[in-house]
């Protein structure tokens, strides 16, 4: 299909036209707003409350960051993880109760994410 005025070309199998909602990169967009798709929230909830190492924490925070636009004050939850992300040979991995608490809080927040309104 060609749009002659602008010389654009669309593939029929990739063009989605005249729909009320669309799923795009883990986000659901419709006429009422933007929300995170359920499979992203499930992925967050599937992480254990106690993360085993730096890479595991980075994976968890990567998924949480993806949901970041929906999480008010995300930095407040992330701040306690900073020392673990700076882990070196000298400072070994030391998971504490505050970290478990923050993971649980993030999971709770992600259970009730707001729908963002399109301006």
PDB file of N, CA and C in Angstrom:
ATOM      1  N   UNK A   1       0.851  -1.156   0.000  1.00  0.00           N
ATOM      2  CA  UNK A   1       0.000   0.000   0.000  1.00  0.00           C
ATOM      3  C   UNK A   1       0.908   1.233   0.000  1.00  0.00           C
ATOM      4  N   UNK A   2       0.615   2.194  -0.863  1.00  0.00           N
ATOM      5  CA  UNK A   2       1.416   3.420  -0.946  1.00  0.00           C
ATOM      6  C   UNK A   2       0.575   4.630  -0.554  1.00  0.00           C
ATOM      7  N   UNK A   3       1.198   5.550   0.108  1.00  0.00           N
ATOM      8  CA  UNK A   3       0.593   6.847   0.367  1.00  0.00           C
ATOM      9  C   UNK A   3       1.328   7.801  -0.561  1.00  0.00           C
ATOM     10  N   UNK A   4       0.667   8.118  -1.660  1.00  0.00           N
ATOM     11  CA  UNK A   4       1.329   8.788  -2.772  1.00  0.00           C
ATOM     12  C   UNK A   4       1.849  10.181  -2.416  1.00  0.00           C
ATOM     13  N   UNK A   5       1.052  10.988  -1.677  1.00  0.00           N
ATOM     14  CA  UNK A   5       1.472  12.365  -1.402  1.00  0.00           C
ATOM     15  C   UNK A   5       2.831  12.431  -0.709  1.00  0.00           C
ATOM     16  N   UNK A   6       3.096  11.517   0.190  1.00  0.00           N
ATOM     17  CA  UNK A   6       4.347  11.545   0.951  1.00  0.00           C
ATOM     18  C   UNK A   6       5.319  10.453   0.533  1.00  0.00           C
ATOM     19  N   UNK A   7       4.952   9.682  -0.458  1.00  0.00           N
ATOM     20  CA  UNK A   7       5.774   8.590  -0.957  1.00  0.00           C
ATOM     21  C   UNK A   7       6.142   7.602   0.156  1.00  0.00           C
ATOM     22  N   UNK A   8       5.152   7.254   0.987  1.00  0.00           N
ATOM     23  CA  UNK A   8       5.335   6.259   2.047  1.00  0.00           C
ATOM     24  C   UNK A   8       4.881   4.911   1.549  1.00  0.00           C
ATOM     25  N   UNK A   9       5.477   3.879   2.079  1.00  0.00           N
ATOM     26  CA  UNK A   9       5.101   2.518   1.718  1.00  0.00           C
ATOM     27  C   UNK A   9       4.891   1.713   3.000  1.00  0.00           C
ATOM     28  N   UNK A  10       3.758   0.993   3.087  1.00  0.00           N
ATOM     29  CA  UNK A  10       3.446   0.168   4.251  1.00  0.00           C
ATOM     30  C   UNK A  10       3.290  -1.280   3.825  1.00  0.00           C
ATOM     31  N   UNK A  11       3.750  -2.194   4.655  1.00  0.00           N
ATOM     32  CA  UNK A  11       3.499  -3.608   4.421  1.00  0.00           C
ATOM     33  C   UNK A  11       2.147  -3.959   5.023  1.00  0.00           C
ATOM     34  N   UNK A  12       1.292  -4.641   4.278  1.00  0.00           N
ATOM     35  CA  UNK A  12      -0.041  -4.987   4.775  1.00  0.00           C
ATOM     36  C   UNK A  12       0.022  -5.789   6.066  1.00  0.00           C
ATOM     37  N   UNK A  13       0.982  -6.705   6.168  1.00  0.00           N
ATOM     38  CA  UNK A  13       1.043  -7.551   7.361  1.00  0.00           C
ATOM     39  C   UNK A  13       1.493  -6.779   8.602  1.00  0.00           C
ATOM     40  N   UNK A  14       2.103  -5.588   8.409  1.00  0.00           N
ATOM     41  CA  UNK A  14       2.566  -4.801   9.548  1.00  0.00           C
ATOM     42  C   UNK A  14       1.701  -3.572   9.821  1.00  0.00           C
ATOM     43  N   UNK A  15       0.850  -3.204   8.901  1.00  0.00           N
ATOM     44  CA  UNK A  15       0.009  -2.024   9.076  1.00  0.00           C
ATOM     45  C   UNK A  15      -1.243  -2.385   9.865  1.00  0.00           C
ATOM     46  N   UNK A  16      -1.512  -1.609  10.905  1.00  0.00           N
ATOM     47  CA  UNK A  16      -2.710  -1.792  11.707  1.00  0.00           C
ATOM     48  C   UNK A  16      -3.483  -0.484  11.615  1.00  0.00           C
ATOM     49  N   UNK A  17      -4.646  -0.546  11.001  1.00  0.00           N
ATOM     50  CA  UNK A  17      -5.407   0.662  10.718  1.00  0.00           C
ATOM     51  C   UNK A  17      -6.809   0.533  11.301  1.00  0.00           C
ATOM     52  N   UNK A  18      -7.320   1.636  11.844  1.00  0.00           N
ATOM     53  CA  UNK A  18      -8.693   1.737  12.351  1.00  0.00           C
ATOM     54  C   UNK A  18      -8.984   0.731  13.464  1.00  0.00           C
ATOM     55  N   UNK A  19      -8.136   0.719  14.489  1.00  0.00           N
ATOM     56  CA  UNK A  19      -8.374  -0.131  15.658  1.00  0.00           C
ATOM     57  C   UNK A  19      -8.523   0.765  16.891  1.00  0.00           C
ATOM     58  N   UNK A  20      -9.213   0.261  17.903  1.00  0.00           N
ATOM     59  CA  UNK A  20      -9.435   1.038  19.123  1.00  0.00           C
ATOM     60  C   UNK A  20      -8.292   0.921  20.117  1.00  0.00           C
ATOM     61  N   UNK A  21      -7.516  -0.153  20.001  1.00  0.00           N
ATOM     62  CA  UNK A  21      -6.367  -0.292  20.898  1.00  0.00           C
ATOM     63  C   UNK A  21      -5.257  -1.043  20.180  1.00  0.00           C
ATOM     64  N   UNK A  22      -4.033  -0.792  20.665  1.00  0.00           N
ATOM     65  CA  UNK A  22      -2.880  -1.432  20.052  1.00  0.00           C
ATOM     66  C   UNK A  22      -1.885  -1.813  21.150  1.00  0.00           C
ATOM     67  N   UNK A  23      -1.267  -2.957  20.992  1.00  0.00           N
ATOM     68  CA  UNK A  23      -0.214  -3.411  21.894  1.00  0.00           C
ATOM     69  C   UNK A  23       1.116  -3.118  21.212  1.00  0.00           C
ATOM     70  N   UNK A  24       1.987  -2.418  21.932  1.00  0.00           N
ATOM     71  CA  UNK A  24       3.250  -2.005  21.329  1.00  0.00           C
ATOM     72  C   UNK A  24       4.350  -2.041  22.377  1.00  0.00           C
ATOM     73  N   UNK A  25       5.322  -2.920  22.207  1.00  0.00           N
ATOM     74  CA  UNK A  25       6.491  -3.016  23.081  1.00  0.00           C
ATOM     75  C   UNK A  25       6.126  -3.084  24.566  1.00  0.00           C
ATOM     76  N   UNK A  26       5.168  -3.926  24.909  1.00  0.00           N
ATOM     77  CA  UNK A  26       4.804  -4.116  26.312  1.00  0.00           C
ATOM     78  C   UNK A  26       3.833  -3.090  26.856  1.00  0.00           C
ATOM     79  N   UNK A  27       3.375  -2.201  25.998  1.00  0.00           N
ATOM     80  CA  UNK A  27       2.449  -1.138  26.390  1.00  0.00           C
ATOM     81  C   UNK A  27       1.136  -1.342  25.634  1.00  0.00           C
ATOM     82  N   UNK A  28       0.031  -1.091  26.311  1.00  0.00           N
ATOM     83  CA  UNK A  28      -1.293  -1.148  25.690  1.00  0.00           C
ATOM     84  C   UNK A  28      -1.798   0.281  25.575  1.00  0.00           C
ATOM     85  N   UNK A  29      -2.098   0.700  24.362  1.00  0.00           N
ATOM     86  CA  UNK A  29      -2.556   2.065  24.106  1.00  0.00           C
ATOM     87  C   UNK A  29      -3.966   1.991  23.547  1.00  0.00           C
ATOM     88  N   UNK A  30      -4.884   2.733  24.173  1.00  0.00           N
ATOM     89  CA  UNK A  30      -6.244   2.828  23.647  1.00  0.00           C
ATOM     90  C   UNK A  30      -6.740   4.256  23.816  1.00  0.00           C
ATOM     91  N   UNK A  31      -8.010   4.495  23.500  1.00  0.00           N
ATOM     92  CA  UNK A  31      -8.535   5.863  23.533  1.00  0.00           C
ATOM     93  C   UNK A  31      -8.575   6.455  24.948  1.00  0.00           C
ATOM     94  N   UNK A  32      -8.502   5.615  25.969  1.00  0.00           N
ATOM     95  CA  UNK A  32      -8.558   6.119  27.346  1.00  0.00           C
ATOM     96  C   UNK A  32      -7.179   6.353  27.956  1.00  0.00           C
ATOM     97  N   UNK A  33      -6.128   5.836  27.347  1.00  0.00           N
ATOM     98  CA  UNK A  33      -4.797   6.069  27.886  1.00  0.00           C
ATOM     99  C   UNK A  33      -3.791   4.986  27.566  1.00  0.00           C
ATOM    100  N   UNK A  34      -2.730   4.952  28.367  1.00  0.00           N
ATOM    101  CA  UNK A  34      -1.608   4.037  28.167  1.00  0.00           C
ATOM    102  C   UNK A  34      -1.420   3.233  29.443  1.00  0.00           C
ATOM    103  N   UNK A  35      -1.260   1.918  29.299  1.00  0.00           N
ATOM    104  CA  UNK A  35      -1.009   1.081  30.468  1.00  0.00           C
ATOM    105  C   UNK A  35      -0.016  -0.020  30.120  1.00  0.00           C
ATOM    106  N   UNK A  36       0.590  -0.558  31.148  1.00  0.00           N
ATOM    107  CA  UNK A  36       1.552  -1.635  30.984  1.00  0.00           C
ATOM    108  C   UNK A  36       0.809  -2.941  30.734  1.00  0.00           C
ATOM    109  N   UNK A  37       1.314  -3.755  29.826  1.00  0.00           N
ATOM    110  CA  UNK A  37       0.681  -5.045  29.568  1.00  0.00           C
ATOM    111  C   UNK A  37       0.918  -5.989  30.741  1.00  0.00           C
ATOM    112  N   UNK A  38      -0.038  -6.879  30.933  1.00  0.00           N
ATOM    113  CA  UNK A  38      -0.017  -7.800  32.072  1.00  0.00           C
ATOM    114  C   UNK A  38       1.239  -8.666  32.123  1.00  0.00           C
ATOM    115  N   UNK A  39       1.768  -9.074  30.966  1.00  0.00           N
ATOM    116  CA  UNK A  39       2.925  -9.972  30.996  1.00  0.00           C
ATOM    117  C   UNK A  39       4.172  -9.293  31.577  1.00  0.00           C
ATOM    118  N   UNK A  40       4.255  -7.977  31.494  1.00  0.00           N
ATOM    119  CA  UNK A  40       5.381  -7.264  32.100  1.00  0.00           C
ATOM    120  C   UNK A  40       5.233  -7.269  33.622  1.00  0.00           C
ATOM    121  N   UNK A  41       4.022  -7.020  34.098  1.00  0.00           N
ATOM    122  CA  UNK A  41       3.760  -7.052  35.545  1.00  0.00           C
ATOM    123  C   UNK A  41       4.011  -8.456  36.089  1.00  0.00           C
ATOM    124  N   UNK A  42       3.582  -9.475  35.350  1.00  0.00           N
ATOM    125  CA  UNK A  42       3.820 -10.861  35.769  1.00  0.00           C
ATOM    126  C   UNK A  42       5.314 -11.157  35.868  1.00  0.00           C
ATOM    127  N   UNK A  43       6.068 -10.629  34.909  1.00  0.00           N
ATOM    128  CA  UNK A  43       7.517 -10.851  34.923  1.00  0.00           C
ATOM    129  C   UNK A  43       8.135 -10.278  36.200  1.00  0.00           C
ATOM    130  N   UNK A  44       7.664  -9.107  36.621  1.00  0.00           N
ATOM    131  CA  UNK A  44       8.150  -8.498  37.864  1.00  0.00           C
ATOM    132  C   UNK A  44       7.789  -9.377  39.053  1.00  0.00           C
ATOM    133  N   UNK A  45       6.551  -9.857  39.072  1.00  0.00           N
ATOM    134  CA  UNK A  45       6.089 -10.683  40.193  1.00  0.00           C
ATOM    135  C   UNK A  45       6.761 -12.057  40.230  1.00  0.00           C
ATOM    136  N   UNK A  46       7.275 -12.523  39.121  1.00  0.00           N
ATOM    137  CA  UNK A  46       7.927 -13.836  39.075  1.00  0.00           C
ATOM    138  C   UNK A  46       9.336 -13.837  39.675  1.00  0.00           C
ATOM    139  N   UNK A  47       9.902 -12.668  39.889  1.00  0.00           N
ATOM    140  CA  UNK A  47      11.204 -12.611  40.558  1.00  0.00           C
ATOM    141  C   UNK A  47      11.015 -12.974  42.026  1.00  0.00           C
ATOM    142  N   UNK A  48      11.988 -13.669  42.609  1.00  0.00           N
ATOM    143  CA  UNK A  48      11.888 -13.962  44.049  1.00  0.00           C
ATOM    144  C   UNK A  48      12.097 -12.675  44.857  1.00  0.00           C
ATOM    145  N   UNK A  49      11.680 -12.697  46.106  1.00  0.00           N
ATOM    146  CA  UNK A  49      11.861 -11.528  46.978  1.00  0.00           C
ATOM    147  C   UNK A  49      13.325 -11.327  47.361  1.00  0.00           C
ATOM    148  N   UNK A  50      14.088 -12.412  47.381  1.00  0.00           N
ATOM    149  CA  UNK A  50      15.521 -12.343  47.688  1.00  0.00           C
ATOM    150  C   UNK A  50      16.284 -12.656  46.401  1.00  0.00           C
ATOM    151  N   UNK A  51      17.009 -11.667  45.897  1.00  0.00           N
ATOM    152  CA  UNK A  51      17.753 -11.844  44.652  1.00  0.00           C
ATOM    153  C   UNK A  51      19.153 -12.346  44.979  1.00  0.00           C
ATOM    154  N   UNK A  52      19.650 -13.261  44.149  1.00  0.00           N
ATOM    155  CA  UNK A  52      20.856 -14.016  44.523  1.00  0.00           C
ATOM    156  C   UNK A  52      22.189 -13.328  44.243  1.00  0.00           C
ATOM    157  N   UNK A  53      22.215 -12.425  43.248  1.00  0.00           N
ATOM    158  CA  UNK A  53      23.485 -11.774  42.934  1.00  0.00           C
ATOM    159  C   UNK A  53      23.240 -10.481  42.158  1.00  0.00           C
ATOM    160  N   UNK A  54      24.340  -9.823  41.816  1.00  0.00           N
ATOM    161  CA  UNK A  54      24.267  -8.536  41.128  1.00  0.00           C
ATOM    162  C   UNK A  54      23.530  -8.645  39.793  1.00  0.00           C
ATOM    163  N   UNK A  55      23.813  -9.679  39.027  1.00  0.00           N
ATOM    164  CA  UNK A  55      23.156  -9.853  37.726  1.00  0.00           C
ATOM    165  C   UNK A  55      21.651 -10.055  37.883  1.00  0.00           C
ATOM    166  N   UNK A  56      21.263 -10.813  38.894  1.00  0.00           N
ATOM    167  CA  UNK A  56      19.846 -11.042  39.169  1.00  0.00           C
ATOM    168  C   UNK A  56      19.164  -9.716  39.526  1.00  0.00           C
ATOM    169  N   UNK A  57      19.822  -8.907  40.332  1.00  0.00           N
ATOM    170  CA  UNK A  57      19.300  -7.587  40.696  1.00  0.00           C
ATOM    171  C   UNK A  57      19.195  -6.692  39.463  1.00  0.00           C
ATOM    172  N   UNK A  58      20.210  -6.721  38.615  1.00  0.00           N
ATOM    173  CA  UNK A  58      20.180  -5.911  37.398  1.00  0.00           C
ATOM    174  C   UNK A  58      19.022  -6.321  36.491  1.00  0.00           C
ATOM    175  N   UNK A  59      18.752  -7.612  36.400  1.00  0.00           N
ATOM    176  CA  UNK A  59      17.625  -8.096  35.598  1.00  0.00           C
ATOM    177  C   UNK A  59      16.306  -7.587  36.164  1.00  0.00           C
ATOM    178  N   UNK A  60      16.159  -7.707  37.472  1.00  0.00           N
ATOM    179  CA  UNK A  60      14.940  -7.238  38.130  1.00  0.00           C
ATOM    180  C   UNK A  60      14.741  -5.738  37.900  1.00  0.00           C
ATOM    181  N   UNK A  61      15.792  -4.964  38.142  1.00  0.00           N
ATOM    182  CA  UNK A  61      15.682  -3.517  37.982  1.00  0.00           C
ATOM    183  C   UNK A  61      15.462  -3.120  36.525  1.00  0.00           C
ATOM    184  N   UNK A  62      15.968  -3.912  35.594  1.00  0.00           N
ATOM    185  CA  UNK A  62      15.729  -3.644  34.179  1.00  0.00           C
ATOM    186  C   UNK A  62      14.256  -3.723  33.831  1.00  0.00           C
ATOM    187  N   UNK A  63      13.583  -4.740  34.345  1.00  0.00           N
ATOM    188  CA  UNK A  63      12.141  -4.881  34.091  1.00  0.00           C
ATOM    189  C   UNK A  63      11.380  -3.777  34.820  1.00  0.00           C
ATOM    190  N   UNK A  64      11.778  -3.493  36.048  1.00  0.00           N
ATOM    191  CA  UNK A  64      11.127  -2.427  36.816  1.00  0.00           C
ATOM    192  C   UNK A  64      11.315  -1.079  36.113  1.00  0.00           C
ATOM    193  N   UNK A  65      12.506  -0.825  35.586  1.00  0.00           N
ATOM    194  CA  UNK A  65      12.750   0.428  34.863  1.00  0.00           C
ATOM    195  C   UNK A  65      11.859   0.546  33.643  1.00  0.00           C
ATOM    196  N   UNK A  66      11.572  -0.582  32.995  1.00  0.00           N
ATOM    197  CA  UNK A  66      10.678  -0.563  31.842  1.00  0.00           C
ATOM    198  C   UNK A  66       9.314  -0.031  32.258  1.00  0.00           C
ATOM    199  N   UNK A  67       8.888  -0.373  33.472  1.00  0.00           N
ATOM    200  CA  UNK A  67       7.599   0.086  34.003  1.00  0.00           C
ATOM    201  C   UNK A  67       7.731   1.448  34.676  1.00  0.00           C
ATOM    202  N   UNK A  68       8.912   2.021  34.645  1.00  0.00           N
ATOM    203  CA  UNK A  68       9.225   3.223  35.404  1.00  0.00           C
ATOM    204  C   UNK A  68       8.315   4.413  35.187  1.00  0.00           C
ATOM    205  N   UNK A  69       7.828   4.627  33.980  1.00  0.00           N
ATOM    206  CA  UNK A  69       6.968   5.793  33.747  1.00  0.00           C
ATOM    207  C   UNK A  69       5.648   5.683  34.499  1.00  0.00           C
ATOM    208  N   UNK A  70       5.299   4.476  34.919  1.00  0.00           N
ATOM    209  CA  UNK A  70       4.053   4.256  35.648  1.00  0.00           C
ATOM    210  C   UNK A  70       4.256   4.280  37.167  1.00  0.00           C
ATOM    211  N   UNK A  71       5.506   4.252  37.634  1.00  0.00           N
ATOM    212  CA  UNK A  71       5.806   4.132  39.064  1.00  0.00           C
ATOM    213  C   UNK A  71       6.223   5.490  39.624  1.00  0.00           C
ATOM    214  N   UNK A  72       5.363   6.041  40.472  1.00  0.00           N
ATOM    215  CA  UNK A  72       5.670   7.323  41.103  1.00  0.00           C
ATOM    216  C   UNK A  72       6.823   7.135  42.091  1.00  0.00           C
ATOM    217  N   UNK A  73       7.768   8.055  42.059  1.00  0.00           N
ATOM    218  CA  UNK A  73       8.922   8.045  42.969  1.00  0.00           C
ATOM    219  C   UNK A  73       9.737   6.756  42.878  1.00  0.00           C
ATOM    220  N   UNK A  74       9.989   6.285  41.683  1.00  0.00           N
ATOM    221  CA  UNK A  74      10.759   5.052  41.496  1.00  0.00           C
ATOM    222  C   UNK A  74      12.125   5.133  42.178  1.00  0.00           C
ATOM    223  N   UNK A  75      12.747   6.287  42.136  1.00  0.00           N
ATOM    224  CA  UNK A  75      14.078   6.444  42.742  1.00  0.00           C
ATOM    225  C   UNK A  75      14.056   6.138  44.234  1.00  0.00           C
ATOM    226  N   UNK A  76      12.951   6.414  44.882  1.00  0.00           N
ATOM    227  CA  UNK A  76      12.817   6.133  46.317  1.00  0.00           C
ATOM    228  C   UNK A  76      12.977   4.640  46.594  1.00  0.00           C
ATOM    229  N   UNK A  77      12.472   3.812  45.696  1.00  0.00           N
ATOM    230  CA  UNK A  77      12.565   2.358  45.869  1.00  0.00           C
ATOM    231  C   UNK A  77      13.938   1.831  45.462  1.00  0.00           C
ATOM    232  N   UNK A  78      14.541   2.471  44.469  1.00  0.00           N
ATOM    233  CA  UNK A  78      15.819   1.998  43.920  1.00  0.00           C
ATOM    234  C   UNK A  78      17.031   2.347  44.776  1.00  0.00           C
ATOM    235  N   UNK A  79      16.938   3.407  45.577  1.00  0.00           N
ATOM    236  CA  UNK A  79      18.127   3.939  46.254  1.00  0.00           C
ATOM    237  C   UNK A  79      18.835   2.913  47.131  1.00  0.00           C
ATOM    238  N   UNK A  80      18.093   2.023  47.770  1.00  0.00           N
ATOM    239  CA  UNK A  80      18.720   1.036  48.655  1.00  0.00           C
ATOM    240  C   UNK A  80      19.489  -0.046  47.891  1.00  0.00           C
ATOM    241  N   UNK A  81      19.270  -0.130  46.587  1.00  0.00           N
ATOM    242  CA  UNK A  81      19.973  -1.127  45.777  1.00  0.00           C
ATOM    243  C   UNK A  81      21.319  -0.616  45.256  1.00  0.00           C
ATOM    244  N   UNK A  82      21.537   0.686  45.294  1.00  0.00           N
ATOM    245  CA  UNK A  82      22.768   1.264  44.724  1.00  0.00           C
ATOM    246  C   UNK A  82      24.049   0.630  45.250  1.00  0.00           C
ATOM    247  N   UNK A  83      24.184   0.448  46.575  1.00  0.00           N
ATOM    248  CA  UNK A  83      25.427  -0.174  47.064  1.00  0.00           C
ATOM    249  C   UNK A  83      25.651  -1.582  46.499  1.00  0.00           C
ATOM    250  N   UNK A  84      24.579  -2.315  46.271  1.00  0.00           N
ATOM    251  CA  UNK A  84      24.722  -3.670  45.719  1.00  0.00           C
ATOM    252  C   UNK A  84      25.165  -3.631  44.262  1.00  0.00           C
ATOM    253  N   UNK A  85      24.769  -2.593  43.552  1.00  0.00           N
ATOM    254  CA  UNK A  85      25.155  -2.468  42.148  1.00  0.00           C
ATOM    255  C   UNK A  85      26.611  -2.039  42.003  1.00  0.00           C
ATOM    256  N   UNK A  86      27.173  -1.460  43.055  1.00  0.00           N
ATOM    257  CA  UNK A  86      28.574  -1.039  43.040  1.00  0.00           C
ATOM    258  C   UNK A  86      29.493  -2.114  43.595  1.00  0.00           C
ATOM    259  N   UNK A  87      28.963  -3.292  43.770  1.00  0.00           N
ATOM    260  CA  UNK A  87      29.732  -4.407  44.347  1.00  0.00           C
ATOM    261  C   UNK A  87      31.050  -4.609  43.597  1.00  0.00           C
ATOM    262  N   UNK A  88      32.117  -4.782  44.355  1.00  0.00           N
ATOM    263  CA  UNK A  88      33.432  -5.064  43.776  1.00  0.00           C
ATOM    264  C   UNK A  88      34.000  -6.296  44.470  1.00  0.00           C
ATOM    265  N   UNK A  89      35.218  -6.619  44.146  1.00  0.00           N
ATOM    266  CA  UNK A  89      35.870  -7.746  44.818  1.00  0.00           C
ATOM    267  C   UNK A  89      36.031  -7.474  46.313  1.00  0.00           C
ATOM    268  N   UNK A  90      36.263  -6.205  46.647  1.00  0.00           N
ATOM    269  CA  UNK A  90      36.459  -5.840  48.052  1.00  0.00           C
ATOM    270  C   UNK A  90      35.136  -5.868  48.816  1.00  0.00           C
ATOM    271  N   UNK A  91      34.114  -5.259  48.231  1.00  0.00           N
ATOM    272  CA  UNK A  91      32.807  -5.253  48.901  1.00  0.00           C
ATOM    273  C   UNK A  91      31.938  -6.351  48.293  1.00  0.00           C
ATOM    274  N   UNK A  92      31.787  -7.418  49.001  1.00  0.00           N
ATOM    275  CA  UNK A  92      31.032  -8.570  48.499  1.00  0.00           C
ATOM    276  C   UNK A  92      29.533  -8.323  48.584  1.00  0.00           C
ATOM    277  N   UNK A  93      28.785  -9.137  47.858  1.00  0.00           N
ATOM    278  CA  UNK A  93      27.325  -9.081  47.833  1.00  0.00           C
ATOM    279  C   UNK A  93      26.773  -9.354  49.230  1.00  0.00           C
ATOM    280  N   UNK A  94      25.951  -8.417  49.721  1.00  0.00           N
ATOM    281  CA  UNK A  94      25.345  -8.611  51.037  1.00  0.00           C
ATOM    282  C   UNK A  94      23.881  -8.177  50.982  1.00  0.00           C
ATOM    283  N   UNK A  95      23.007  -9.146  50.750  1.00  0.00           N
ATOM    284  CA  UNK A  95      21.565  -8.884  50.685  1.00  0.00           C
ATOM    285  C   UNK A  95      21.037  -8.757  52.107  1.00  0.00           C
ATOM    286  N   UNK A  96      20.269  -7.690  52.346  1.00  0.00           N
ATOM    287  CA  UNK A  96      19.730  -7.450  53.679  1.00  0.00           C
ATOM    288  C   UNK A  96      18.207  -7.367  53.632  1.00  0.00           C
ATOM    289  N   UNK A  97      17.594  -7.318  54.795  1.00  0.00           N
ATOM    290  CA  UNK A  97      16.128  -7.280  54.892  1.00  0.00           C
ATOM    291  C   UNK A  97      15.536  -6.063  54.186  1.00  0.00           C
ATOM    292  N   UNK A  98      16.234  -4.935  54.221  1.00  0.00           N
ATOM    293  CA  UNK A  98      15.728  -3.738  53.545  1.00  0.00           C
ATOM    294  C   UNK A  98      15.592  -3.972  52.045  1.00  0.00           C
ATOM    295  N   UNK A  99      16.478  -4.770  51.468  1.00  0.00           N
ATOM    296  CA  UNK A  99      16.410  -5.078  50.038  1.00  0.00           C
ATOM    297  C   UNK A  99      15.185  -5.941  49.737  1.00  0.00           C
ATOM    298  N   UNK A 100      14.943  -6.927  50.585  1.00  0.00           N
ATOM    299  CA  UNK A 100      13.757  -7.776  50.420  1.00  0.00           C
ATOM    300  C   UNK A 100      12.499  -6.927  50.532  1.00  0.00           C
ATOM    301  N   UNK A 101      12.499  -6.017  51.475  1.00  0.00           N
ATOM    302  CA  UNK A 101      11.348  -5.135  51.677  1.00  0.00           C
ATOM    303  C   UNK A 101      11.108  -4.275  50.437  1.00  0.00           C
ATOM    304  N   UNK A 102      12.176  -3.741  49.857  1.00  0.00           N
ATOM    305  CA  UNK A 102      12.034  -2.899  48.657  1.00  0.00           C
ATOM    306  C   UNK A 102      11.517  -3.707  47.461  1.00  0.00           C
ATOM    307  N   UNK A 103      11.986  -4.940  47.312  1.00  0.00           N
ATOM    308  CA  UNK A 103      11.484  -5.785  46.223  1.00  0.00           C
ATOM    309  C   UNK A 103       9.988  -6.007  46.409  1.00  0.00           C
ATOM    310  N   UNK A 104       9.578  -6.314  47.613  1.00  0.00           N
ATOM    311  CA  UNK A 104       8.150  -6.533  47.891  1.00  0.00           C
ATOM    312  C   UNK A 104       7.333  -5.268  47.634  1.00  0.00           C
ATOM    313  N   UNK A 105       7.872  -4.123  48.043  1.00  0.00           N
ATOM    314  CA  UNK A 105       7.174  -2.855  47.803  1.00  0.00           C
ATOM    315  C   UNK A 105       7.016  -2.590  46.310  1.00  0.00           C
ATOM    316  N   UNK A 106       8.075  -2.831  45.546  1.00  0.00           N
ATOM    317  CA  UNK A 106       7.992  -2.633  44.097  1.00  0.00           C
ATOM    318  C   UNK A 106       6.969  -3.566  43.469  1.00  0.00           C
ATOM    319  N   UNK A 107       6.927  -4.795  43.919  1.00  0.00           N
ATOM    320  CA  UNK A 107       5.931  -5.739  43.406  1.00  0.00           C
ATOM    321  C   UNK A 107       4.523  -5.253  43.735  1.00  0.00           C
ATOM    322  N   UNK A 108       4.330  -4.735  44.935  1.00  0.00           N
ATOM    323  CA  UNK A 108       3.020  -4.222  45.341  1.00  0.00           C
ATOM    324  C   UNK A 108       2.622  -3.017  44.492  1.00  0.00           C
ATOM    325  N   UNK A 109       3.563  -2.099  44.305  1.00  0.00           N
ATOM    326  CA  UNK A 109       3.298  -0.917  43.488  1.00  0.00           C
ATOM    327  C   UNK A 109       2.932  -1.337  42.065  1.00  0.00           C
ATOM    328  N   UNK A 110       3.628  -2.329  41.533  1.00  0.00           N
ATOM    329  CA  UNK A 110       3.378  -2.788  40.164  1.00  0.00           C
ATOM    330  C   UNK A 110       2.043  -3.524  40.029  1.00  0.00           C
ATOM    331  N   UNK A 111       1.476  -3.934  41.142  1.00  0.00           N
ATOM    332  CA  UNK A 111       0.158  -4.574  41.108  1.00  0.00           C
ATOM    333  C   UNK A 111      -0.946  -3.553  40.889  1.00  0.00           C
ATOM    334  N   UNK A 112      -0.660  -2.291  41.176  1.00  0.00           N
ATOM    335  CA  UNK A 112      -1.675  -1.237  41.101  1.00  0.00           C
ATOM    336  C   UNK A 112      -1.196  -0.048  40.277  1.00  0.00           C
ATOM    337  N   UNK A 113      -0.628  -0.320  39.132  1.00  0.00           N
ATOM    338  CA  UNK A 113      -0.104   0.765  38.307  1.00  0.00           C
ATOM    339  C   UNK A 113      -1.239   1.589  37.714  1.00  0.00           C
ATOM    340  N   UNK A 114      -1.064   2.904  37.667  1.00  0.00           N
ATOM    341  CA  UNK A 114      -2.111   3.751  37.093  1.00  0.00           C
ATOM    342  C   UNK A 114      -2.101   3.682  35.569  1.00  0.00           C
ATOM    343  N   UNK A 115      -3.221   4.025  35.000  1.00  0.00           N
ATOM    344  CA  UNK A 115      -3.297   4.177  33.553  1.00  0.00           C
ATOM    345  C   UNK A 115      -2.955   5.635  33.261  1.00  0.00           C
ATOM    346  N   UNK A 116      -2.024   5.864  32.364  1.00  0.00           N
ATOM    347  CA  UNK A 116      -1.625   7.221  32.019  1.00  0.00           C
ATOM    348  C   UNK A 116      -2.563   7.779  30.954  1.00  0.00           C
ATOM    349  N   UNK A 117      -2.953   9.021  31.132  1.00  0.00           N
ATOM    350  CA  UNK A 117      -3.886   9.666  30.213  1.00  0.00           C
ATOM    351  C   UNK A 117      -3.103  10.299  29.069  1.00  0.00           C
ATOM    352  N   UNK A 118      -3.611  10.158  27.877  1.00  0.00           N
ATOM    353  CA  UNK A 118      -2.988  10.771  26.705  1.00  0.00           C
ATOM    354  C   UNK A 118      -3.444  12.229  26.646  1.00  0.00           C
ATOM    355  N   UNK A 119      -2.503  13.169  26.585  1.00  0.00           N
ATOM    356  CA  UNK A 119      -2.896  14.600  26.582  1.00  0.00           C
ATOM    357  C   UNK A 119      -3.637  14.990  25.323  1.00  0.00           C
TER     358      UNK A 119
END
